[in-house]
Amino acid sequence: MGIRKHIIKFLYANLWLKKLAFNPLTEYHQWRLLKFVRRTAAGIQADQSIIDVGAGELKYKPHFAHCHYISNDLCIGDGDWNYAGIDIVSSAYDIPVETGSFDAALCIQVLEHLDSPDRAFQEFSRILKPHGRIYLSAPLLAGEHQQPHDFLRYTRYGYALLGEKHGFRLVSIEPHGGSVIAVETLAWAALWEMLPFRRQTAPRYVIYLLLYPIKLLTGALALLFDQLDRKNSMTINYDVTYEKSE
């Protein structure tokens, strides 16, 4: 836990190292998530409020320094995370705030961990103002994580249906690449899964550094050949934006 914290702090404090660690060649998925969050933040006005549901270690909080940002989490997902900065500790089904409290809700890589997404959307509808928006991202193709709190995966049709049932219009849905990026991402995920070292320990970071040039090459090839996939129905993740109907 200690070494992980120091490495993450060092990465996020250094702009160039952050670009090396989170770029479309080596961390396409994380790069796309950051791009989605930055675009979301740019659309939130200074006098508006947003709640980050499932905020975890608050890694997206700095992007919302210009507006009223509130974090929420049940604080049970990852055992070695630090949840000390969470503003509201609660489930996504029963957030202790008044009805119509927020202009927007951010929900990044959380929906797959909810055993009742309908209840979550009912709560989103309650806490958002009329025409409030949900900015949500969750996987289609991913291994189990944060076990045993990992329940569901979603297609683009599942997202549309979920929003429609609870009075939300689907504004946009964007895949994280197509089949080639998916295969390349899952191949590397399989490698990390088979390593005999625990996640976020020094040996894994050393291996990552040694394999970094190879990852750059496979990432570049995946980006290039992924252009041949016009359907993008085999994707690792979706970024979704909803708007409350009233």
Protein backbone atom coordinates (compact mmCIF):
# COMPACT_ATOMS: atom_id res chain seq x y z
CA MET A 1 0.00 0.00 0.00
CA GLY A 2 2.81 2.39 0.91
CA ILE A 3 4.79 2.02 -2.32
CA ARG A 4 1.60 2.24 -4.36
CA LYS A 5 0.66 5.54 -2.74
CA HIS A 6 4.10 7.03 -3.31
CA ILE A 7 4.18 5.98 -6.97
CA ILE A 8 0.69 7.29 -7.71
CA LYS A 9 1.45 10.60 -5.98
CA PHE A 10 4.71 10.91 -7.91
CA LEU A 11 3.00 10.15 -11.24
CA TYR A 12 0.17 12.61 -10.75
CA ALA A 13 2.54 15.37 -9.61
CA ASN A 14 4.65 15.15 -12.77
CA LEU A 15 2.99 16.18 -16.03
CA TRP A 16 5.44 14.37 -18.31
CA LEU A 17 5.37 11.14 -16.31
CA LYS A 18 1.60 11.29 -16.30
CA LYS A 19 1.62 11.53 -20.09
CA LEU A 20 3.96 8.54 -20.28
CA ALA A 21 1.77 6.47 -17.96
CA PHE A 22 -1.66 7.51 -19.28
CA ASN A 23 -1.57 7.76 -23.06
CA PRO A 24 -3.52 6.03 -25.85
CA LEU A 25 -0.67 3.61 -26.60
CA THR A 26 0.00 2.22 -23.13
CA GLU A 27 -3.24 2.87 -21.22
CA TYR A 28 -5.92 3.43 -23.85
CA HIS A 29 -8.80 2.71 -21.47
CA GLN A 30 -7.56 5.06 -18.72
CA TRP A 31 -6.74 7.70 -21.33
CA ARG A 32 -10.30 7.53 -22.66
CA LEU A 33 -11.74 7.78 -19.15
CA LEU A 34 -9.69 10.89 -18.41
CA LYS A 35 -10.73 12.40 -21.72
CA PHE A 36 -14.39 11.78 -20.88
CA VAL A 37 -14.03 13.26 -17.39
CA ARG A 38 -12.23 16.35 -18.69
CA ARG A 39 -14.92 16.92 -21.31
CA THR A 40 -17.56 16.49 -18.63
CA ALA A 41 -15.84 18.98 -16.33
CA ALA A 42 -15.58 21.53 -19.14
CA GLY A 43 -19.37 21.43 -19.49
CA ILE A 44 -20.08 22.11 -15.80
CA GLN A 45 -20.46 25.79 -14.98
CA ALA A 46 -18.96 27.47 -11.91
CA ASP A 47 -22.35 27.93 -10.27
CA GLN A 48 -23.40 24.31 -10.86
CA SER A 49 -23.06 21.25 -8.63
CA ILE A 50 -22.00 17.69 -9.38
CA ILE A 51 -21.96 14.56 -7.25
CA ASP A 52 -19.33 11.91 -7.94
CA VAL A 53 -21.07 8.63 -7.13
CA GLY A 54 -18.54 5.92 -6.31
CA ALA A 55 -15.72 8.46 -6.12
CA GLY A 56 -13.20 6.07 -4.57
CA GLU A 57 -9.89 7.84 -3.99
CA LEU A 58 -11.12 11.09 -5.57
CA LYS A 59 -8.80 10.95 -8.55
CA TYR A 60 -11.24 12.98 -10.66
CA LYS A 61 -11.91 15.67 -8.04
CA PRO A 62 -9.18 18.07 -9.30
CA HIS A 63 -11.01 18.41 -12.63
CA PHE A 64 -14.02 19.91 -10.84
CA ALA A 65 -12.24 22.51 -8.71
CA HIS A 66 -14.13 25.26 -10.55
CA CYS A 67 -17.60 24.11 -9.40
CA HIS A 68 -19.39 22.63 -6.38
CA TYR A 69 -18.16 19.03 -6.17
CA ILE A 70 -19.45 16.43 -3.70
CA SER A 71 -18.06 12.90 -3.45
CA ASN A 72 -20.01 9.78 -2.51
CA ASP A 73 -18.94 6.17 -1.93
CA LEU A 74 -19.94 3.17 0.15
CA CYS A 75 -16.20 2.65 0.82
CA ILE A 76 -16.16 -1.13 0.42
CA GLY A 77 -14.83 -1.64 -3.10
CA ASP A 78 -11.06 -1.97 -2.88
CA GLY A 79 -9.49 -2.95 0.42
CA ASP A 80 -6.29 -0.93 0.02
CA TRP A 81 -7.92 2.31 -1.12
CA ASN A 82 -7.98 5.40 1.06
CA TYR A 83 -11.56 6.66 1.38
CA ALA A 84 -10.78 9.35 3.96
CA GLY A 85 -11.79 12.23 1.68
CA ILE A 86 -15.30 11.01 0.84
CA ASP A 87 -17.97 13.62 1.67
CA ILE A 88 -20.99 11.29 1.83
CA VAL A 89 -20.55 7.66 2.83
CA SER A 90 -23.61 5.79 1.56
CA SER A 91 -24.82 3.39 -1.09
CA ALA A 92 -25.82 4.70 -4.51
CA TYR A 93 -29.38 3.62 -3.71
CA ASP A 94 -29.96 5.95 -0.77
CA ILE A 95 -27.85 9.12 -0.84
CA PRO A 96 -28.76 11.39 2.10
CA VAL A 97 -29.35 14.62 0.19
CA GLU A 98 -32.48 16.56 -0.66
CA THR A 99 -34.43 15.90 -3.85
CA GLY A 100 -33.14 17.95 -6.79
CA SER A 101 -29.81 18.79 -5.15
CA PHE A 102 -27.48 18.47 -8.14
CA ASP A 103 -27.10 19.63 -11.73
CA ALA A 104 -25.11 16.53 -12.69
CA ALA A 105 -23.92 13.15 -11.48
CA LEU A 106 -20.59 11.54 -12.34
CA CYS A 107 -20.48 7.74 -12.14
CA ILE A 108 -17.19 6.34 -13.45
CA GLN A 109 -16.58 2.56 -13.46
CA VAL A 110 -19.19 2.00 -10.75
CA LEU A 111 -22.32 0.63 -12.43
CA GLU A 112 -20.86 -2.88 -12.83
CA HIS A 113 -20.48 -3.02 -9.03
CA LEU A 114 -24.15 -2.30 -8.33
CA ASP A 115 -26.40 -5.34 -7.94
CA SER A 116 -29.49 -3.22 -8.61
CA PRO A 117 -28.85 -0.61 -11.33
CA ASP A 118 -32.56 0.25 -11.44
CA ARG A 119 -32.43 1.44 -7.84
CA ALA A 120 -29.38 3.55 -8.63
CA PHE A 121 -31.14 5.23 -11.55
CA GLN A 122 -34.19 5.89 -9.39
CA GLU A 123 -31.89 7.67 -6.95
CA PHE A 124 -30.18 9.59 -9.75
CA SER A 125 -33.59 10.77 -10.89
CA ARG A 126 -34.43 11.91 -7.36
CA ILE A 127 -31.25 13.84 -6.59
CA LEU A 128 -30.90 15.55 -9.99
CA LYS A 129 -32.58 18.79 -10.96
CA PRO A 130 -34.87 18.92 -14.02
CA HIS A 131 -32.75 18.34 -17.15
CA GLY A 132 -29.85 17.25 -14.95
CA ARG A 133 -27.28 14.97 -16.56
CA ILE A 134 -25.59 11.68 -15.70
CA TYR A 135 -22.05 11.17 -16.98
CA LEU A 136 -21.42 7.45 -16.68
CA SER A 137 -18.80 4.96 -17.77
CA ALA A 138 -18.71 1.18 -17.29
CA PRO A 139 -17.22 -1.88 -19.02
CA LEU A 140 -18.55 -4.32 -21.57
CA LEU A 141 -15.41 -6.49 -21.66
CA ALA A 142 -13.46 -6.74 -18.41
CA GLY A 143 -12.29 -9.36 -15.97
CA GLU A 144 -13.74 -9.64 -12.52
CA HIS A 145 -12.43 -6.96 -10.18
CA GLN A 146 -13.06 -5.73 -6.66
CA GLN A 147 -14.45 -9.18 -5.92
CA PRO A 148 -17.00 -10.04 -4.68
CA HIS A 149 -18.51 -6.65 -5.56
CA ASP A 150 -18.62 -7.15 -9.33
CA PHE A 151 -21.99 -8.07 -10.81
CA LEU A 152 -22.89 -6.87 -14.30
CA ARG A 153 -21.69 -5.84 -17.78
CA TYR A 154 -23.60 -3.59 -20.18
CA THR A 155 -24.22 -3.31 -23.92
CA ARG A 156 -25.23 -0.06 -25.61
CA TYR A 157 -28.80 -1.35 -25.73
CA GLY A 158 -28.76 -2.06 -22.02
CA TYR A 159 -27.71 1.53 -21.33
CA ALA A 160 -30.48 2.90 -23.54
CA LEU A 161 -33.12 0.73 -21.86
CA LEU A 162 -31.91 1.52 -18.35
CA GLY A 163 -32.12 5.25 -18.92
CA GLU A 164 -35.46 5.11 -20.72
CA LYS A 165 -37.08 3.15 -17.87
CA HIS A 166 -36.23 5.90 -15.41
CA GLY A 167 -36.97 9.03 -17.41
CA PHE A 168 -33.52 9.73 -18.87
CA ARG A 169 -32.84 10.55 -22.50
CA LEU A 170 -29.69 9.02 -23.95
CA VAL A 171 -27.63 11.99 -25.16
CA SER A 172 -24.55 10.09 -26.32
CA ILE A 173 -22.83 6.73 -26.02
CA GLU A 174 -19.23 6.27 -27.10
CA PRO A 175 -17.26 2.99 -27.24
CA HIS A 176 -13.65 2.76 -26.09
CA GLY A 177 -12.41 1.60 -29.45
CA GLY A 178 -13.31 -1.56 -31.36
CA SER A 179 -12.32 -5.21 -31.56
CA VAL A 180 -8.57 -4.79 -32.18
CA ILE A 181 -8.11 -2.48 -29.19
CA ALA A 182 -10.27 -4.88 -27.16
CA VAL A 183 -8.11 -7.89 -28.05
CA GLU A 184 -4.87 -6.01 -27.33
CA THR A 185 -6.22 -4.71 -24.01
CA LEU A 186 -7.47 -8.13 -22.90
CA ALA A 187 -4.20 -9.84 -23.91
CA TRP A 188 -2.22 -7.53 -21.64
CA ALA A 189 -4.83 -7.91 -18.89
CA ALA A 190 -4.41 -11.69 -19.14
CA LEU A 191 -0.64 -11.31 -18.75
CA TRP A 192 -1.01 -9.20 -15.61
CA GLU A 193 -3.56 -11.68 -14.27
CA MET A 194 -1.12 -14.59 -14.61
CA LEU A 195 1.84 -12.90 -12.92
CA PRO A 196 2.68 -14.47 -9.54
CA PHE A 197 2.99 -11.05 -7.86
CA ARG A 198 0.22 -9.18 -6.09
CA ARG A 199 -1.27 -6.12 -7.75
CA GLN A 200 0.41 -2.76 -7.19
CA THR A 201 3.66 -4.14 -5.77
CA ALA A 202 7.24 -3.28 -6.70
CA PRO A 203 7.92 -6.39 -8.88
CA ARG A 204 4.91 -5.60 -11.07
CA TYR A 205 6.04 -2.00 -11.55
CA VAL A 206 9.51 -3.23 -12.56
CA ILE A 207 7.99 -5.65 -15.08
CA TYR A 208 5.79 -2.84 -16.42
CA LEU A 209 8.85 -0.65 -17.02
CA LEU A 210 10.71 -3.49 -18.76
CA LEU A 211 7.75 -4.23 -21.03
CA TYR A 212 6.91 -0.56 -21.69
CA PRO A 213 8.55 -0.42 -25.16
CA ILE A 214 6.63 -3.54 -26.25
CA LYS A 215 3.41 -2.04 -24.92
CA LEU A 216 4.04 1.10 -26.96
CA LEU A 217 4.43 -1.03 -30.09
CA THR A 218 1.33 -3.20 -29.55
CA GLY A 219 -0.68 -0.14 -28.56
CA ALA A 220 0.29 1.68 -31.73
CA LEU A 221 -0.56 -1.32 -33.90
CA ALA A 222 -3.91 -1.74 -32.12
CA LEU A 223 -4.81 1.91 -32.72
CA LEU A 224 -3.84 1.60 -36.38
CA PHE A 225 -5.70 -1.61 -37.21
CA ASP A 226 -8.68 -0.76 -35.03
CA GLN A 227 -9.64 1.74 -37.73
CA LEU A 228 -10.78 -1.26 -39.80
CA ASP A 229 -13.53 -2.01 -37.29
CA ARG A 230 -16.51 0.15 -38.25
CA LYS A 231 -19.03 -1.45 -35.90
CA ASN A 232 -17.20 -1.14 -32.57
CA SER A 233 -19.61 -3.64 -31.06
CA MET A 234 -16.76 -5.53 -29.41
CA THR A 235 -15.43 -2.79 -27.17
CA ILE A 236 -13.93 -2.72 -23.72
CA ASN A 237 -16.03 0.12 -22.32
CA TYR A 238 -18.70 2.73 -22.98
CA ASP A 239 -18.92 6.39 -21.99
CA VAL A 240 -22.58 7.39 -21.63
CA THR A 241 -24.34 10.72 -21.14
CA TYR A 242 -28.00 10.96 -20.10
CA GLU A 243 -30.32 13.90 -19.54
CA LYS A 244 -33.25 13.86 -17.17
CA SER A 245 -36.45 14.52 -19.07
CA GLU A 246 -37.91 16.96 -16.55
